[in-house]
Amino acid sequence: MSKQAISETKLRKLLELNIKLKEQLEISRVPISEASKSMIEYCQTTQDMMVPSVWGSRNPDPFIEPTAGCGCVLM
């Protein structure tokens, strides 16, 4: 390959990279504090049917293992 062909290849790669970087720049971004706040708000207001004991369901939680003895949980 000649020097000119190599230079053209490098230029083409740089132009492609520049296009990709410009596309990334256009992606809307949210500050982490705002994203965290919205996640916390969502978790507090949306019931998770997989954890009925947290939401005060009247039905017993089928996912809790029955405890034997004093009913204490050790971690």
PDB file of N, CA and C in Angstrom:
ATOM      1  N   MET A   1       0.829  -1.189   0.000  1.00  0.00           N
ATOM      2  CA  MET A   1       0.000   0.000   0.000  1.00  0.00           C
ATOM      3  C   MET A   1       0.874   1.253   0.000  1.00  0.00           C
ATOM      4  N   SER A   2       0.405   2.203  -0.695  1.00  0.00           N
ATOM      5  CA  SER A   2       1.146   3.465  -0.736  1.00  0.00           C
ATOM      6  C   SER A   2       0.806   4.305   0.496  1.00  0.00           C
ATOM      7  N   LYS A   3       1.626   5.308   0.741  1.00  0.00           N
ATOM      8  CA  LYS A   3       1.397   6.197   1.892  1.00  0.00           C
ATOM      9  C   LYS A   3       0.072   6.929   1.758  1.00  0.00           C
ATOM     10  N   GLN A   4      -0.298   7.259   0.545  1.00  0.00           N
ATOM     11  CA  GLN A   4      -1.548   7.983   0.327  1.00  0.00           C
ATOM     12  C   GLN A   4      -2.741   7.083   0.669  1.00  0.00           C
ATOM     13  N   ALA A   5      -2.692   5.820   0.300  1.00  0.00           N
ATOM     14  CA  ALA A   5      -3.781   4.882   0.598  1.00  0.00           C
ATOM     15  C   ALA A   5      -3.911   4.680   2.112  1.00  0.00           C
ATOM     16  N   ILE A   6      -2.781   4.590   2.789  1.00  0.00           N
ATOM     17  CA  ILE A   6      -2.795   4.432   4.245  1.00  0.00           C
ATOM     18  C   ILE A   6      -3.383   5.678   4.900  1.00  0.00           C
ATOM     19  N   SER A   7      -2.981   6.842   4.411  1.00  0.00           N
ATOM     20  CA  SER A   7      -3.505   8.100   4.951  1.00  0.00           C
ATOM     21  C   SER A   7      -5.011   8.212   4.725  1.00  0.00           C
ATOM     22  N   GLU A   8      -5.489   7.786   3.571  1.00  0.00           N
ATOM     23  CA  GLU A   8      -6.917   7.837   3.277  1.00  0.00           C
ATOM     24  C   GLU A   8      -7.695   6.877   4.180  1.00  0.00           C
ATOM     25  N   THR A   9      -7.126   5.711   4.431  1.00  0.00           N
ATOM     26  CA  THR A   9      -7.756   4.742   5.327  1.00  0.00           C
ATOM     27  C   THR A   9      -7.852   5.311   6.740  1.00  0.00           C
ATOM     28  N   LYS A  10      -6.768   5.915   7.217  1.00  0.00           N
ATOM     29  CA  LYS A  10      -6.774   6.526   8.550  1.00  0.00           C
ATOM     30  C   LYS A  10      -7.798   7.651   8.630  1.00  0.00           C
ATOM     31  N   LEU A  11      -7.849   8.460   7.580  1.00  0.00           N
ATOM     32  CA  LEU A  11      -8.811   9.567   7.551  1.00  0.00           C
ATOM     33  C   LEU A  11     -10.240   9.034   7.594  1.00  0.00           C
ATOM     34  N   ARG A  12     -10.530   7.999   6.828  1.00  0.00           N
ATOM     35  CA  ARG A  12     -11.865   7.411   6.799  1.00  0.00           C
ATOM     36  C   ARG A  12     -12.249   6.874   8.193  1.00  0.00           C
ATOM     37  N   LYS A  13     -11.314   6.208   8.861  1.00  0.00           N
ATOM     38  CA  LYS A  13     -11.576   5.696  10.213  1.00  0.00           C
ATOM     39  C   LYS A  13     -11.834   6.836  11.195  1.00  0.00           C
ATOM     40  N   LEU A  14     -11.064   7.901  11.089  1.00  0.00           N
ATOM     41  CA  LEU A  14     -11.263   9.053  11.969  1.00  0.00           C
ATOM     42  C   LEU A  14     -12.609   9.728  11.724  1.00  0.00           C
ATOM     43  N   LEU A  15     -13.010   9.820  10.466  1.00  0.00           N
ATOM     44  CA  LEU A  15     -14.307  10.421  10.146  1.00  0.00           C
ATOM     45  C   LEU A  15     -15.459   9.558  10.682  1.00  0.00           C
ATOM     46  N   GLU A  16     -15.322   8.223  10.577  1.00  0.00           N
ATOM     47  CA  GLU A  16     -16.336   7.323  11.131  1.00  0.00           C
ATOM     48  C   GLU A  16     -16.414   7.469  12.645  1.00  0.00           C
ATOM     49  N   LEU A  17     -15.261   7.545  13.292  1.00  0.00           N
ATOM     50  CA  LEU A  17     -15.227   7.726  14.742  1.00  0.00           C
ATOM     51  C   LEU A  17     -15.864   9.047  15.127  1.00  0.00           C
ATOM     52  N   ASN A  18     -15.597  10.086  14.369  1.00  0.00           N
ATOM     53  CA  ASN A  18     -16.170  11.401  14.637  1.00  0.00           C
ATOM     54  C   ASN A  18     -17.695  11.351  14.540  1.00  0.00           C
ATOM     55  N   ILE A  19     -18.220  10.653  13.554  1.00  0.00           N
ATOM     56  CA  ILE A  19     -19.671  10.512  13.400  1.00  0.00           C
ATOM     57  C   ILE A  19     -20.265   9.786  14.606  1.00  0.00           C
ATOM     58  N   LYS A  20     -19.617   8.700  15.026  1.00  0.00           N
ATOM     59  CA  LYS A  20     -20.110   7.943  16.187  1.00  0.00           C
ATOM     60  C   LYS A  20     -20.095   8.797  17.457  1.00  0.00           C
ATOM     61  N   LEU A  21     -19.048   9.577  17.639  1.00  0.00           N
ATOM     62  CA  LEU A  21     -18.961  10.433  18.818  1.00  0.00           C
ATOM     63  C   LEU A  21     -20.047  11.510  18.800  1.00  0.00           C
ATOM     64  N   LYS A  22     -20.335  12.054  17.625  1.00  0.00           N
ATOM     65  CA  LYS A  22     -21.401  13.055  17.517  1.00  0.00           C
ATOM     66  C   LYS A  22     -22.759  12.437  17.847  1.00  0.00           C
ATOM     67  N   GLU A  23     -22.987  11.193  17.414  1.00  0.00           N
ATOM     68  CA  GLU A  23     -24.238  10.499  17.733  1.00  0.00           C
ATOM     69  C   GLU A  23     -24.373  10.306  19.245  1.00  0.00           C
ATOM     70  N   GLN A  24     -23.283   9.942  19.904  1.00  0.00           N
ATOM     71  CA  GLN A  24     -23.310   9.753  21.357  1.00  0.00           C
ATOM     72  C   GLN A  24     -23.576  11.072  22.076  1.00  0.00           C
ATOM     73  N   LEU A  25     -23.077  12.151  21.517  1.00  0.00           N
ATOM     74  CA  LEU A  25     -23.291  13.464  22.120  1.00  0.00           C
ATOM     75  C   LEU A  25     -24.761  13.856  22.118  1.00  0.00           C
ATOM     76  N   GLU A  26     -25.512  13.380  21.123  1.00  0.00           N
ATOM     77  CA  GLU A  26     -26.916  13.726  20.995  1.00  0.00           C
ATOM     78  C   GLU A  26     -27.830  12.922  21.917  1.00  0.00           C
ATOM     79  N   ILE A  27     -27.302  11.878  22.555  1.00  0.00           N
ATOM     80  CA  ILE A  27     -28.106  11.062  23.466  1.00  0.00           C
ATOM     81  C   ILE A  27     -28.454  11.912  24.680  1.00  0.00           C
ATOM     82  N   SER A  28     -29.749  11.909  25.030  1.00  0.00           N
ATOM     83  CA  SER A  28     -30.158  12.703  26.187  1.00  0.00           C
ATOM     84  C   SER A  28     -29.629  12.054  27.467  1.00  0.00           C
ATOM     85  N   ARG A  29     -29.210  12.876  28.372  1.00  0.00           N
ATOM     86  CA  ARG A  29     -28.620  12.389  29.621  1.00  0.00           C
ATOM     87  C   ARG A  29     -29.381  12.966  30.804  1.00  0.00           C
ATOM     88  N   VAL A  30     -29.353  12.216  31.912  1.00  0.00           N
ATOM     89  CA  VAL A  30     -30.040  12.626  33.131  1.00  0.00           C
ATOM     90  C   VAL A  30     -29.007  12.587  34.258  1.00  0.00           C
ATOM     91  N   PRO A  31     -28.963  13.608  35.097  1.00  0.00           N
ATOM     92  CA  PRO A  31     -28.028  13.561  36.231  1.00  0.00           C
ATOM     93  C   PRO A  31     -28.329  12.366  37.131  1.00  0.00           C
ATOM     94  N   ILE A  32     -27.299  11.783  37.714  1.00  0.00           N
ATOM     95  CA  ILE A  32     -27.458  10.586  38.538  1.00  0.00           C
ATOM     96  C   ILE A  32     -28.385  10.837  39.719  1.00  0.00           C
ATOM     97  N   SER A  33     -28.372  12.041  40.268  1.00  0.00           N
ATOM     98  CA  SER A  33     -29.250  12.333  41.395  1.00  0.00           C
ATOM     99  C   SER A  33     -30.717  12.264  40.967  1.00  0.00           C
ATOM    100  N   GLU A  34     -31.010  12.754  39.784  1.00  0.00           N
ATOM    101  CA  GLU A  34     -32.387  12.711  39.278  1.00  0.00           C
ATOM    102  C   GLU A  34     -32.794  11.271  38.949  1.00  0.00           C
ATOM    103  N   ALA A  35     -31.884  10.498  38.351  1.00  0.00           N
ATOM    104  CA  ALA A  35     -32.178   9.097  38.026  1.00  0.00           C
ATOM    105  C   ALA A  35     -32.406   8.293  39.302  1.00  0.00           C
ATOM    106  N   SER A  36     -31.587   8.525  40.324  1.00  0.00           N
ATOM    107  CA  SER A  36     -31.741   7.815  41.599  1.00  0.00           C
ATOM    108  C   SER A  36     -33.068   8.162  42.252  1.00  0.00           C
ATOM    109  N   LYS A  37     -33.403   9.441  42.233  1.00  0.00           N
ATOM    110  CA  LYS A  37     -34.657   9.885  42.838  1.00  0.00           C
ATOM    111  C   LYS A  37     -35.853   9.222  42.150  1.00  0.00           C
ATOM    112  N   SER A  38     -35.826   9.157  40.819  1.00  0.00           N
ATOM    113  CA  SER A  38     -36.951   8.546  40.109  1.00  0.00           C
ATOM    114  C   SER A  38     -37.016   7.045  40.352  1.00  0.00           C
ATOM    115  N   MET A  39     -35.865   6.379  40.500  1.00  0.00           N
ATOM    116  CA  MET A  39     -35.865   4.945  40.814  1.00  0.00           C
ATOM    117  C   MET A  39     -36.439   4.684  42.194  1.00  0.00           C
ATOM    118  N   ILE A  40     -36.035   5.490  43.171  1.00  0.00           N
ATOM    119  CA  ILE A  40     -36.545   5.328  44.534  1.00  0.00           C
ATOM    120  C   ILE A  40     -38.050   5.557  44.558  1.00  0.00           C
ATOM    121  N   GLU A  41     -38.487   6.599  43.872  1.00  0.00           N
ATOM    122  CA  GLU A  41     -39.918   6.912  43.813  1.00  0.00           C
ATOM    123  C   GLU A  41     -40.693   5.764  43.160  1.00  0.00           C
ATOM    124  N   TYR A  42     -40.164   5.214  42.088  1.00  0.00           N
ATOM    125  CA  TYR A  42     -40.827   4.103  41.407  1.00  0.00           C
ATOM    126  C   TYR A  42     -40.932   2.886  42.326  1.00  0.00           C
ATOM    127  N   CYS A  43     -39.838   2.560  43.009  1.00  0.00           N
ATOM    128  CA  CYS A  43     -39.833   1.384  43.887  1.00  0.00           C
ATOM    129  C   CYS A  43     -40.792   1.563  45.061  1.00  0.00           C
ATOM    130  N   GLN A  44     -40.947   2.782  45.534  1.00  0.00           N
ATOM    131  CA  GLN A  44     -41.829   3.026  46.666  1.00  0.00           C
ATOM    132  C   GLN A  44     -43.301   3.052  46.265  1.00  0.00           C
ATOM    133  N   THR A  45     -43.602   3.348  45.025  1.00  0.00           N
ATOM    134  CA  THR A  45     -44.996   3.473  44.608  1.00  0.00           C
ATOM    135  C   THR A  45     -45.506   2.297  43.790  1.00  0.00           C
ATOM    136  N   THR A  46     -44.627   1.424  43.335  1.00  0.00           N
ATOM    137  CA  THR A  46     -45.035   0.292  42.507  1.00  0.00           C
ATOM    138  C   THR A  46     -44.968  -0.983  43.328  1.00  0.00           C
ATOM    139  N   GLN A  47     -46.094  -1.673  43.424  1.00  0.00           N
ATOM    140  CA  GLN A  47     -46.119  -2.907  44.187  1.00  0.00           C
ATOM    141  C   GLN A  47     -45.390  -4.006  43.429  1.00  0.00           C
ATOM    142  N   ASP A  48     -44.591  -4.755  44.156  1.00  0.00           N
ATOM    143  CA  ASP A  48     -43.886  -5.899  43.597  1.00  0.00           C
ATOM    144  C   ASP A  48     -44.617  -7.146  44.058  1.00  0.00           C
ATOM    145  N   MET A  49     -45.289  -7.802  43.160  1.00  0.00           N
ATOM    146  CA  MET A  49     -46.093  -8.962  43.525  1.00  0.00           C
ATOM    147  C   MET A  49     -45.248 -10.153  43.962  1.00  0.00           C
ATOM    148  N   MET A  50     -43.958 -10.070  43.740  1.00  0.00           N
ATOM    149  CA  MET A  50     -43.073 -11.151  44.190  1.00  0.00           C
ATOM    150  C   MET A  50     -42.695 -10.988  45.662  1.00  0.00           C
ATOM    151  N   VAL A  51     -43.015  -9.851  46.256  1.00  0.00           N
ATOM    152  CA  VAL A  51     -42.711  -9.610  47.664  1.00  0.00           C
ATOM    153  C   VAL A  51     -43.986  -9.111  48.357  1.00  0.00           C
ATOM    154  N   PRO A  52     -44.998  -9.951  48.471  1.00  0.00           N
ATOM    155  CA  PRO A  52     -46.257  -9.497  49.054  1.00  0.00           C
ATOM    156  C   PRO A  52     -46.148  -9.148  50.535  1.00  0.00           C
ATOM    157  N   SER A  53     -45.193  -9.734  51.249  1.00  0.00           N
ATOM    158  CA  SER A  53     -45.083  -9.433  52.678  1.00  0.00           C
ATOM    159  C   SER A  53     -44.697  -7.977  52.914  1.00  0.00           C
ATOM    160  N   VAL A  54     -44.011  -7.362  51.975  1.00  0.00           N
ATOM    161  CA  VAL A  54     -43.622  -5.962  52.103  1.00  0.00           C
ATOM    162  C   VAL A  54     -44.832  -5.059  51.916  1.00  0.00           C
ATOM    163  N   TRP A  55     -45.749  -5.459  51.060  1.00  0.00           N
ATOM    164  CA  TRP A  55     -46.896  -4.627  50.722  1.00  0.00           C
ATOM    165  C   TRP A  55     -48.127  -4.941  51.562  1.00  0.00           C
ATOM    166  N   GLY A  56     -47.971  -5.777  52.587  1.00  0.00           N
ATOM    167  CA  GLY A  56     -49.074  -6.024  53.507  1.00  0.00           C
ATOM    168  C   GLY A  56     -50.220  -6.807  52.895  1.00  0.00           C
ATOM    169  N   SER A  57     -49.894  -7.753  52.033  1.00  0.00           N
ATOM    170  CA  SER A  57     -50.936  -8.581  51.434  1.00  0.00           C
ATOM    171  C   SER A  57     -51.604  -9.436  52.508  1.00  0.00           C
ATOM    172  N   ARG A  58     -52.891  -9.643  52.386  1.00  0.00           N
ATOM    173  CA  ARG A  58     -53.609 -10.460  53.364  1.00  0.00           C
ATOM    174  C   ARG A  58     -53.310 -11.939  53.182  1.00  0.00           C
ATOM    175  N   ASN A  59     -52.940 -12.311  51.983  1.00  0.00           N
ATOM    176  CA  ASN A  59     -52.607 -13.712  51.723  1.00  0.00           C
ATOM    177  C   ASN A  59     -51.192 -13.994  52.210  1.00  0.00           C
ATOM    178  N   PRO A  60     -50.935 -15.210  52.686  1.00  0.00           N
ATOM    179  CA  PRO A  60     -49.565 -15.523  53.118  1.00  0.00           C
ATOM    180  C   PRO A  60     -48.612 -15.518  51.925  1.00  0.00           C
ATOM    181  N   ASP A  61     -47.400 -15.141  52.194  1.00  0.00           N
ATOM    182  CA  ASP A  61     -46.373 -15.075  51.152  1.00  0.00           C
ATOM    183  C   ASP A  61     -45.927 -16.502  50.817  1.00  0.00           C
ATOM    184  N   PRO A  62     -46.186 -16.988  49.592  1.00  0.00           N
ATOM    185  CA  PRO A  62     -45.806 -18.361  49.246  1.00  0.00           C
ATOM    186  C   PRO A  62     -44.303 -18.548  49.067  1.00  0.00           C
ATOM    187  N   PHE A  63     -43.543 -17.462  49.036  1.00  0.00           N
ATOM    188  CA  PHE A  63     -42.117 -17.565  48.802  1.00  0.00           C
ATOM    189  C   PHE A  63     -41.300 -17.560  50.090  1.00  0.00           C
ATOM    190  N   ILE A  64     -41.949 -17.326  51.222  1.00  0.00           N
ATOM    191  CA  ILE A  64     -41.237 -17.348  52.500  1.00  0.00           C
ATOM    192  C   ILE A  64     -41.152 -18.790  52.972  1.00  0.00           C
ATOM    193  N   GLU A  65     -39.945 -19.187  53.349  1.00  0.00           N
ATOM    194  CA  GLU A  65     -39.768 -20.556  53.855  1.00  0.00           C
ATOM    195  C   GLU A  65     -40.362 -20.645  55.247  1.00  0.00           C
ATOM    196  N   PRO A  66     -41.053 -21.744  55.532  1.00  0.00           N
ATOM    197  CA  PRO A  66     -41.599 -21.898  56.874  1.00  0.00           C
ATOM    198  C   PRO A  66     -40.457 -21.998  57.883  1.00  0.00           C
ATOM    199  N   THR A  67     -40.641 -21.329  58.999  1.00  0.00           N
ATOM    200  CA  THR A  67     -39.592 -21.314  60.025  1.00  0.00           C
ATOM    201  C   THR A  67     -39.903 -22.367  61.084  1.00  0.00           C
ATOM    202  N   ALA A  68     -38.855 -22.955  61.584  1.00  0.00           N
ATOM    203  CA  ALA A  68     -38.993 -23.936  62.666  1.00  0.00           C
ATOM    204  C   ALA A  68     -38.378 -23.338  63.912  1.00  0.00           C
ATOM    205  N   GLY A  69     -38.927 -23.640  65.038  1.00  0.00           N
ATOM    206  CA  GLY A  69     -38.372 -23.146  66.301  1.00  0.00           C
ATOM    207  C   GLY A  69     -38.895 -21.783  66.628  1.00  0.00           C
ATOM    208  N   CYS A  70     -37.999 -20.855  66.958  1.00  0.00           N
ATOM    209  CA  CYS A  70     -38.405 -19.536  67.440  1.00  0.00           C
ATOM    210  C   CYS A  70     -38.811 -18.595  66.320  1.00  0.00           C
ATOM    211  N   GLY A  71     -38.548 -18.947  65.091  1.00  0.00           N
ATOM    212  CA  GLY A  71     -38.906 -18.081  63.981  1.00  0.00           C
ATOM    213  C   GLY A  71     -37.893 -16.977  63.724  1.00  0.00           C
ATOM    214  N   CYS A  72     -36.718 -17.092  64.354  1.00  0.00           N
ATOM    215  CA  CYS A  72     -35.665 -16.082  64.163  1.00  0.00           C
ATOM    216  C   CYS A  72     -34.940 -16.326  62.853  1.00  0.00           C
ATOM    217  N   VAL A  73     -34.510 -15.244  62.237  1.00  0.00           N
ATOM    218  CA  VAL A  73     -33.736 -15.355  61.014  1.00  0.00           C
ATOM    219  C   VAL A  73     -32.332 -14.869  61.300  1.00  0.00           C
ATOM    220  N   LEU A  74     -31.354 -15.721  61.055  1.00  0.00           N
ATOM    221  CA  LEU A  74     -29.960 -15.351  61.278  1.00  0.00           C
ATOM    222  C   LEU A  74     -29.308 -15.070  59.946  1.00  0.00           C
ATOM    223  N   MET A  75     -28.533 -13.991  59.914  1.00  0.00           N
ATOM    224  CA  MET A  75     -27.828 -13.651  58.674  1.00  0.00           C
ATOM    225  C   MET A  75     -26.350 -13.662  58.920  1.00  0.00           C
TER     226      MET A  75
END
